[in-house]
Amino acid sequence: VRDATAGGGMGGGYASERTVENVWIVDEQKVVKSKDGTEVVSNTQVSTNLDEFFPIGSLVTVWKGLPNERTATVVAVSTFRHQRLQSHHTHFLN
């Protein structure tokens, strides 16, 4: 993951690459709303524990080292919280 960073008047950038363990990756097309309210297609969803969060605009590489490895941008994030079930974030990638 390369987290998107704010850059003030000079535009944003990306933090150094970091590895995130224990993720759930699903390659499935879903229509989601981006931060500006437009509908976009997410081709991959990456779920993480609540202590991991990728800001919108971050670059995420999935299936690292495999033939289907690719890097995509986070276009939306959802959060699931529950008292008994595993709480998590789902990061929607384009």
Protein backbone atom coordinates (compact mmCIF):
# COMPACT_ATOMS: atom_id res chain seq x y z
CA VAL A 1 0.00 0.00 0.00
CA ARG A 2 1.14 3.55 -0.76
CA ASP A 3 -1.10 5.83 1.30
CA ALA A 4 -2.32 8.98 -0.44
CA THR A 5 -1.03 12.10 1.31
CA ALA A 6 -2.23 15.69 1.25
CA GLY A 7 0.08 18.13 -0.45
CA GLY A 8 -1.54 21.49 0.19
CA GLY A 9 -1.39 23.80 -2.81
CA MET A 10 1.15 21.58 -4.59
CA GLY A 11 -1.19 18.59 -4.86
CA GLY A 12 -0.97 15.28 -3.08
CA GLY A 13 1.53 12.48 -3.20
CA TYR A 14 2.10 9.04 -1.78
CA ALA A 15 3.79 7.73 1.35
CA SER A 16 6.43 5.00 1.17
CA GLU A 17 5.18 1.54 0.31
CA ARG A 18 4.14 -0.63 3.25
CA THR A 19 2.98 -4.23 3.55
CA VAL A 20 -0.37 -5.04 5.15
CA GLU A 21 -0.96 -8.56 6.46
CA ASN A 22 -4.20 -10.48 7.05
CA VAL A 23 -6.35 -9.00 4.31
CA TRP A 24 -9.31 -10.47 2.45
CA ILE A 25 -9.23 -9.76 -1.30
CA VAL A 26 -12.24 -10.26 -3.57
CA ASP A 27 -12.10 -9.67 -7.32
CA GLU A 28 -15.70 -8.78 -8.10
CA GLN A 29 -17.21 -5.87 -9.99
CA LYS A 30 -19.39 -3.61 -7.86
CA VAL A 31 -20.76 -0.15 -8.49
CA VAL A 32 -19.90 2.25 -5.64
CA LYS A 33 -20.11 5.99 -5.12
CA SER A 34 -16.85 7.93 -5.11
CA LYS A 35 -16.17 10.77 -2.68
CA ASP A 36 -17.66 13.27 -5.17
CA GLY A 37 -20.86 11.20 -5.47
CA THR A 38 -20.32 9.78 -8.96
CA GLU A 39 -20.81 6.08 -9.56
CA VAL A 40 -17.63 4.14 -10.32
CA VAL A 41 -16.92 0.46 -10.87
CA SER A 42 -14.80 -1.27 -8.26
CA ASN A 43 -13.09 -4.38 -9.66
CA THR A 44 -11.48 -5.46 -6.38
CA GLN A 45 -12.34 -5.10 -2.70
CA VAL A 46 -9.75 -5.41 0.07
CA SER A 47 -11.00 -5.91 3.63
CA THR A 48 -8.76 -5.18 6.62
CA ASN A 49 -8.99 -5.05 10.39
CA LEU A 50 -10.13 -1.70 11.78
CA ASP A 51 -6.57 -0.75 12.74
CA GLU A 52 -5.62 -0.64 9.03
CA PHE A 53 -7.02 2.13 6.85
CA PHE A 54 -6.13 3.22 3.31
CA PRO A 55 -7.19 6.80 2.49
CA ILE A 56 -9.14 7.38 -0.72
CA GLY A 57 -6.66 7.82 -3.55
CA SER A 58 -4.12 5.39 -2.08
CA LEU A 59 -2.40 2.88 -4.36
CA VAL A 60 -2.90 -0.78 -3.40
CA THR A 61 -1.07 -3.72 -4.98
CA VAL A 62 -2.99 -6.99 -4.80
CA TRP A 63 -1.90 -10.56 -5.57
CA LYS A 64 1.78 -9.52 -5.20
CA GLY A 65 4.14 -11.95 -6.90
CA LEU A 66 1.37 -13.77 -8.77
CA PRO A 67 0.54 -13.57 -12.50
CA ASN A 68 -2.57 -11.47 -11.74
CA GLU A 69 -0.67 -8.87 -9.65
CA ARG A 70 -1.89 -5.33 -10.21
CA THR A 71 -1.95 -1.92 -8.57
CA ALA A 72 -5.21 0.00 -8.28
CA THR A 73 -6.52 3.15 -6.62
CA VAL A 74 -8.86 3.26 -3.59
CA VAL A 75 -12.10 4.93 -4.76
CA ALA A 76 -14.31 4.31 -1.71
CA VAL A 77 -14.15 2.84 1.81
CA SER A 78 -16.85 1.27 3.97
CA THR A 79 -16.68 0.35 7.66
CA PHE A 80 -18.49 -2.55 9.32
CA ARG A 81 -18.76 -2.53 13.12
CA HIS A 82 -20.51 -5.21 15.15
CA GLN A 83 -20.45 -6.36 18.78
CA ARG A 84 -20.05 -10.07 17.99
CA LEU A 85 -18.84 -10.28 14.37
CA GLN A 86 -15.45 -9.25 13.02
CA SER A 87 -15.42 -5.48 12.47
CA HIS A 88 -13.52 -4.35 9.39
CA HIS A 89 -12.93 -1.77 6.65
CA THR A 90 -13.56 -2.63 3.01
CA HIS A 91 -11.47 -0.65 0.52
CA PHE A 92 -12.97 -0.51 -2.97
CA LEU A 93 -10.36 -0.38 -5.77
CA ASN A 94 -10.91 0.63 -9.37
